[in-house]
Amino acid sequence: MSLETGYTFIVNPHAGRRRAAGRVSDLRRAVGGRADTEVLSTACAGHAAELAAEAASGGRAVISCGGDGTLHEVLNAVMGTGSAVGVLPFGSANDFLKTFGPDVAGDRSPESQFGAVRTRVDVGRVEFSGGEMRHFLNSLGIGFTGRIASAVKRAPWLKGELAYAYALFRVLIGYAPVKMHIEITLPDRLVVLDERVFAFSVGNGKVEGGKFQIAPAADLRDGLLDVCILRAVPKWEIPGLVLQYLRGVQSQDHRVRSYQAERIDVSLDGPDVMHMDGEVYEGIDGKITVAVVPEGLEMLAPGRHG
């Protein structure tokens, strides 16, 4: 595998409920002696994508210094450019790293990126009915989890897992299962579902929302996406199911359907909310196609050096 010689660290100072802003000076000092390295800070939503695209056009590795949302921006900017992506966990949950590098999920040192070997990981691709395309690294959710992600964004005064717990119960109060037509392409067959769904999730990584194991068997290099569908259930059953998701044993429950798929086609009867890597997409409607891009991205593997 090849090694990176140039690095652009992109810091989202708002990540981790603004705690990342306090790490910028330390990061600049840590890399100050390296001529091949630069540290840039984002100024607004979408800025990380602009900075990442510019860095990738110069053939540099891009290090996302924020949470899963910052990484989501960086991913969509560098897909197809050949540039590698690294991660420093400056966010609140940093869910993707729990699958990619669980042994270094708390390592915020820039030294972990320098000279790290490239490794390829799968990426999720989403095509919307209007022709737009986006990618995700960790997870996707439509309906219940999409609305939870939206509620988290609207509660900036809460941090970490408390924010997700608050959002979950706030959304649950007025929620009703969503009618979906779902076609799931497995390696050996096609599964077709047409029913009301309480929660629809697709995992490339194992964890979302801090501790919810939506895809405990997920593998970033197996060429498959893990689908987890909670069928329509009464609301009073949700607390017990939440405990199952926290333990990662929900696939054993008859109310949950789990698959490892190459592609998923979802048709909605009306607009709803989707999240990708925790980033919220409002007003999603019509047909959405989710597919795996096997080994679609090169990443700097934590703890591995050439």
Protein backbone atom coordinates (compact mmCIF):
# COMPACT_ATOMS: atom_id res chain seq x y z
CA MET A 1 0.00 0.00 0.00
CA SER A 2 1.15 3.53 -0.71
CA LEU A 3 1.88 6.16 1.91
CA GLU A 4 0.69 9.75 2.08
CA THR A 5 3.24 12.57 1.94
CA GLY A 6 0.92 15.59 2.20
CA TYR A 7 -1.80 16.19 4.76
CA THR A 8 -4.64 18.69 5.15
CA PHE A 9 -6.30 18.65 8.59
CA ILE A 10 -9.81 20.13 8.40
CA VAL A 11 -11.17 21.13 11.81
CA ASN A 12 -14.83 21.80 12.49
CA PRO A 13 -14.63 24.09 15.54
CA HIS A 14 -18.32 23.49 16.29
CA ALA A 15 -17.86 19.72 16.64
CA GLY A 16 -18.26 18.14 20.05
CA ARG A 17 -20.59 20.96 21.13
CA ARG A 18 -17.81 23.46 20.25
CA ARG A 19 -15.12 21.66 22.23
CA ALA A 20 -13.17 21.14 19.01
CA ALA A 21 -12.46 24.88 18.83
CA GLY A 22 -10.19 24.54 21.87
CA ARG A 23 -8.07 21.91 20.12
CA VAL A 24 -7.14 23.96 17.04
CA SER A 25 -4.15 25.73 18.63
CA ASP A 26 -2.76 22.45 20.02
CA LEU A 27 -3.15 20.79 16.64
CA ARG A 28 -1.35 23.65 14.86
CA ARG A 29 1.53 23.42 17.33
CA ALA A 30 1.75 19.66 16.95
CA VAL A 31 2.15 19.84 13.15
CA GLY A 32 3.91 23.22 12.98
CA GLY A 33 7.26 21.73 12.06
CA ARG A 34 6.01 19.75 9.08
CA ALA A 35 6.25 21.40 5.67
CA ASP A 36 3.87 18.82 4.18
CA THR A 37 1.00 19.60 6.55
CA GLU A 38 -1.63 22.32 6.90
CA VAL A 39 -4.45 22.89 9.41
CA LEU A 40 -7.63 24.59 8.21
CA SER A 41 -10.78 25.51 10.17
CA THR A 42 -14.29 25.56 8.76
CA ALA A 43 -16.36 28.73 8.94
CA CYS A 44 -19.84 27.40 8.15
CA ALA A 45 -21.84 24.35 7.14
CA GLY A 46 -20.56 22.98 3.84
CA HIS A 47 -17.14 24.59 4.23
CA ALA A 48 -15.47 21.27 5.10
CA ALA A 49 -16.55 19.92 1.70
CA GLU A 50 -15.04 22.94 -0.09
CA LEU A 51 -11.74 22.65 1.76
CA ALA A 52 -11.60 18.89 1.24
CA ALA A 53 -12.26 19.17 -2.49
CA GLU A 54 -9.44 21.69 -2.86
CA ALA A 55 -7.03 19.52 -0.87
CA ALA A 56 -7.97 16.40 -2.82
CA SER A 57 -7.40 18.19 -6.12
CA GLY A 58 -3.80 18.64 -4.98
CA GLY A 59 -3.43 14.93 -4.18
CA ARG A 60 -3.26 15.45 -0.43
CA ALA A 61 -4.67 13.20 2.27
CA VAL A 62 -7.60 14.86 4.03
CA ILE A 63 -7.92 14.43 7.79
CA SER A 64 -11.43 15.08 9.11
CA CYS A 65 -11.19 16.65 12.58
CA GLY A 66 -14.74 16.70 13.86
CA GLY A 67 -17.60 14.27 14.23
CA ASP A 68 -19.43 11.99 11.84
CA GLY A 69 -21.08 14.97 10.15
CA THR A 70 -17.72 16.54 9.28
CA LEU A 71 -16.51 13.19 7.96
CA HIS A 72 -19.69 12.96 5.87
CA GLU A 73 -18.87 16.28 4.18
CA VAL A 74 -15.28 15.25 3.56
CA LEU A 75 -16.32 11.88 2.14
CA ASN A 76 -18.67 13.41 -0.41
CA ALA A 77 -16.02 15.90 -1.48
CA VAL A 78 -13.23 13.37 -2.06
CA MET A 79 -15.13 10.38 -3.52
CA GLY A 80 -13.59 9.51 -6.85
CA THR A 81 -10.51 11.71 -6.44
CA GLY A 82 -8.14 9.01 -5.20
CA SER A 83 -7.24 10.94 -2.05
CA ALA A 84 -7.15 9.11 1.25
CA VAL A 85 -9.17 10.19 4.28
CA GLY A 86 -8.13 10.11 7.93
CA VAL A 87 -10.11 10.90 11.07
CA LEU A 88 -9.36 12.65 14.34
CA PRO A 89 -12.38 12.20 16.66
CA PHE A 90 -13.32 15.73 17.75
CA GLY A 91 -17.09 15.09 17.71
CA SER A 92 -19.57 13.94 20.35
CA ALA A 93 -20.24 10.37 19.23
CA ASN A 94 -17.64 9.56 16.54
CA ASP A 95 -19.63 6.47 15.64
CA PHE A 96 -17.77 5.49 12.47
CA LEU A 97 -14.47 5.05 14.29
CA LYS A 98 -16.07 2.48 16.57
CA THR A 99 -16.09 0.15 13.57
CA PHE A 100 -13.09 1.40 11.60
CA GLY A 101 -10.64 1.67 14.50
CA PRO A 102 -12.25 0.81 17.83
CA ASP A 103 -8.83 0.58 19.50
CA VAL A 104 -8.03 4.21 18.66
CA ALA A 105 -11.51 5.75 18.74
CA GLY A 106 -10.33 8.24 21.37
CA ASP A 107 -6.93 9.03 19.80
CA ARG A 108 -6.86 12.72 18.87
CA SER A 109 -3.12 12.92 18.16
CA PRO A 110 -2.08 13.96 14.64
CA GLU A 111 0.84 11.52 14.88
CA SER A 112 -1.68 8.70 14.40
CA GLN A 113 -2.15 9.90 10.80
CA PHE A 114 1.41 10.52 9.68
CA GLY A 115 2.72 7.58 7.69
CA ALA A 116 -0.40 5.49 8.37
CA VAL A 117 -1.00 2.86 5.70
CA ARG A 118 -3.93 3.21 3.35
CA THR A 119 -6.68 0.64 3.60
CA ARG A 120 -9.80 0.42 1.48
CA VAL A 121 -13.32 0.42 2.98
CA ASP A 122 -16.80 0.06 1.55
CA VAL A 123 -18.99 3.12 1.05
CA GLY A 124 -22.76 3.48 0.82
CA ARG A 125 -24.19 5.31 -2.19
CA VAL A 126 -27.64 6.91 -2.20
CA GLU A 127 -29.46 7.96 -5.37
CA PHE A 128 -32.55 10.13 -4.99
CA SER A 129 -35.52 10.23 -7.35
CA GLY A 130 -34.43 13.64 -8.64
CA GLY A 131 -31.05 12.31 -9.75
CA GLU A 132 -28.93 13.63 -6.88
CA MET A 133 -26.34 11.27 -5.43
CA ARG A 134 -24.73 11.23 -1.98
CA HIS A 135 -22.47 8.82 -0.09
CA PHE A 136 -22.25 7.69 3.53
CA LEU A 137 -19.64 5.84 5.55
CA ASN A 138 -21.40 4.81 8.74
CA SER A 139 -25.18 4.59 8.55
CA LEU A 140 -28.44 5.75 7.04
CA GLY A 141 -31.92 5.92 8.48
CA ILE A 142 -35.34 6.88 7.11
CA GLY A 143 -38.34 7.79 9.24
CA PHE A 144 -37.84 7.23 12.95
CA THR A 145 -34.03 7.52 13.11
CA GLY A 146 -34.05 10.33 10.55
CA ARG A 147 -36.40 12.31 12.76
CA ILE A 148 -34.27 11.53 15.82
CA ALA A 149 -31.23 12.97 14.04
CA SER A 150 -33.26 16.07 13.19
CA ALA A 151 -34.37 16.45 16.83
CA VAL A 152 -30.74 16.16 18.01
CA LYS A 153 -29.79 19.05 15.70
CA ARG A 154 -32.57 21.13 17.24
CA ALA A 155 -31.33 20.50 20.80
CA PRO A 156 -27.81 22.04 20.84
CA TRP A 157 -27.97 22.51 24.63
CA LEU A 158 -27.74 18.73 25.15
CA LYS A 159 -24.56 16.72 24.67
CA GLY A 160 -23.63 13.22 23.56
CA GLU A 161 -25.86 10.31 24.51
CA LEU A 162 -28.23 12.51 26.52
CA ALA A 163 -29.13 14.36 23.32
CA TYR A 164 -30.00 11.09 21.56
CA ALA A 165 -32.09 9.84 24.51
CA TYR A 166 -34.01 13.14 24.63
CA ALA A 167 -34.58 13.10 20.86
CA LEU A 168 -35.70 9.47 20.83
CA PHE A 169 -38.50 9.97 23.35
CA ARG A 170 -39.49 13.34 21.91
CA VAL A 171 -39.93 11.83 18.44
CA LEU A 172 -41.66 8.73 19.82
CA ILE A 173 -44.52 10.76 21.32
CA GLY A 174 -46.01 11.77 17.98
CA TYR A 175 -44.58 9.11 15.68
CA ALA A 176 -46.48 6.68 13.45
CA PRO A 177 -44.93 3.89 11.34
CA VAL A 178 -44.15 4.85 7.74
CA LYS A 179 -45.54 3.01 4.69
CA MET A 180 -42.64 1.74 2.58
CA HIS A 181 -42.17 -0.49 -0.44
CA ILE A 182 -38.73 -2.05 -0.04
CA GLU A 183 -36.81 -4.25 -2.47
CA ILE A 184 -33.65 -5.75 -0.97
CA THR A 185 -31.11 -7.29 -3.33
CA LEU A 186 -29.18 -10.00 -1.50
CA PRO A 187 -26.23 -11.88 -3.04
CA ASP A 188 -28.52 -14.84 -3.82
CA ARG A 189 -32.08 -13.52 -3.97
CA LEU A 190 -34.48 -10.57 -3.93
CA VAL A 191 -36.63 -9.78 -0.88
CA VAL A 192 -39.71 -7.58 -1.37
CA LEU A 193 -41.54 -5.93 1.54
CA ASP A 194 -44.60 -3.71 1.34
CA GLU A 195 -45.72 -2.65 4.79
CA ARG A 196 -45.59 -0.04 7.50
CA VAL A 197 -42.17 0.22 9.07
CA PHE A 198 -41.32 1.70 12.44
CA ALA A 199 -37.58 2.09 11.84
CA PHE A 200 -35.51 1.55 8.69
CA SER A 201 -31.72 1.56 9.04
CA VAL A 202 -28.79 0.65 6.83
CA GLY A 203 -25.38 0.19 8.40
CA ASN A 204 -21.95 0.16 6.83
CA GLY A 205 -20.59 0.62 10.35
CA LYS A 206 -21.93 -1.07 13.45
CA VAL A 207 -23.06 1.80 15.72
CA GLU A 208 -25.11 4.98 15.50
CA GLY A 209 -26.39 7.43 18.07
CA GLY A 210 -23.48 6.74 20.40
CA LYS A 211 -24.36 3.21 21.54
CA PHE A 212 -27.13 1.82 19.33
CA GLN A 213 -25.82 -1.29 17.58
CA ILE A 214 -27.95 -1.13 14.47
CA ALA A 215 -25.63 -3.48 12.58
CA PRO A 216 -23.53 -5.48 15.05
CA ALA A 217 -22.30 -7.84 12.32
CA ALA A 218 -21.28 -5.06 9.90
CA ASP A 219 -17.91 -5.35 8.18
CA LEU A 220 -16.44 -2.37 6.34
CA ARG A 221 -14.76 -4.65 3.82
CA ASP A 222 -17.35 -7.34 3.02
CA GLY A 223 -18.97 -5.62 0.03
CA LEU A 224 -22.37 -5.61 1.73
CA LEU A 225 -24.60 -3.22 3.67
CA ASP A 226 -26.47 -4.40 6.77
CA VAL A 227 -30.20 -3.66 6.72
CA CYS A 228 -32.21 -3.52 9.95
CA ILE A 229 -35.99 -3.06 9.70
CA LEU A 230 -38.23 -2.76 12.73
CA ARG A 231 -41.77 -3.62 11.67
CA ALA A 232 -44.78 -1.62 12.86
CA VAL A 233 -45.18 -2.15 16.62
CA PRO A 234 -47.14 -0.43 19.40
CA LYS A 235 -45.21 2.40 21.03
CA TRP A 236 -45.26 0.73 24.43
CA GLU A 237 -43.01 -2.00 23.02
CA ILE A 238 -40.26 0.45 21.99
CA PRO A 239 -38.40 0.75 25.36
CA GLY A 240 -37.76 -3.00 25.38
CA LEU A 241 -36.64 -2.91 21.77
CA VAL A 242 -34.32 0.02 22.51
CA LEU A 243 -32.56 -2.18 25.06
CA GLN A 244 -32.14 -4.85 22.39
CA TYR A 245 -30.59 -2.33 19.99
CA LEU A 246 -28.21 -1.18 22.72
CA ARG A 247 -27.09 -4.80 23.21
CA GLY A 248 -27.06 -5.58 19.49
CA VAL A 249 -29.40 -8.58 19.80
CA GLN A 250 -32.45 -7.22 17.96
CA SER A 251 -31.98 -9.54 14.96
CA GLN A 252 -33.18 -12.41 17.18
CA ASP A 253 -36.56 -10.70 17.63
CA HIS A 254 -39.42 -11.65 15.28
CA ARG A 255 -40.38 -7.97 15.01
CA VAL A 256 -37.04 -7.13 13.39
CA ARG A 257 -35.84 -8.14 9.94
CA SER A 258 -32.11 -8.15 9.21
CA TYR A 259 -30.34 -8.64 5.89
CA GLN A 260 -26.90 -8.21 4.33
CA ALA A 261 -27.55 -6.59 0.98
CA GLU A 262 -25.87 -5.30 -2.13
CA ARG A 263 -28.68 -2.85 -2.90
CA ILE A 264 -31.90 -1.57 -1.35
CA ASP A 265 -34.67 0.25 -3.23
CA VAL A 266 -37.12 2.14 -1.01
CA SER A 267 -40.29 3.87 -2.21
CA LEU A 268 -42.13 6.28 0.10
CA ASP A 269 -45.76 7.34 -0.16
CA GLY A 270 -44.97 10.81 1.19
CA PRO A 271 -42.10 13.05 2.28
CA ASP A 272 -40.07 12.03 5.30
CA VAL A 273 -36.73 12.64 6.98
CA MET A 274 -33.49 10.79 6.28
CA HIS A 275 -30.16 10.93 8.02
CA MET A 276 -26.82 9.90 6.57
CA ASP A 277 -23.99 9.71 9.10
CA GLY A 278 -26.20 11.85 11.36
CA GLU A 279 -26.62 14.59 8.76
CA VAL A 280 -30.28 15.41 8.19
CA TYR A 281 -32.02 15.40 4.80
CA GLU A 282 -35.57 16.75 4.98
CA GLY A 283 -38.43 16.14 2.56
CA ILE A 284 -37.17 12.85 1.11
CA ASP A 285 -39.85 11.41 -1.19
CA GLY A 286 -40.40 8.93 -3.99
CA LYS A 287 -37.81 6.25 -4.71
CA ILE A 288 -34.42 6.08 -2.99
CA THR A 289 -31.78 3.59 -4.08
CA VAL A 290 -29.08 2.60 -1.59
CA ALA A 291 -26.15 0.54 -2.86
CA VAL A 292 -22.72 -0.50 -1.68
CA VAL A 293 -19.55 0.73 -3.38
CA PRO A 294 -17.14 -2.08 -2.50
CA GLU A 295 -13.79 -0.72 -1.29
CA GLY A 296 -14.87 2.68 -2.55
CA LEU A 297 -12.60 4.79 -0.34
CA GLU A 298 -8.99 4.70 0.81
CA MET A 299 -8.56 5.59 4.45
CA LEU A 300 -5.56 6.09 6.69
CA ALA A 301 -5.62 3.07 8.98
CA PRO A 302 -5.07 4.07 12.62
CA GLY A 303 -2.16 2.38 14.31
CA ARG A 304 -0.75 0.94 11.10
CA HIS A 305 2.42 2.45 9.72
CA GLY A 306 4.64 1.73 6.78
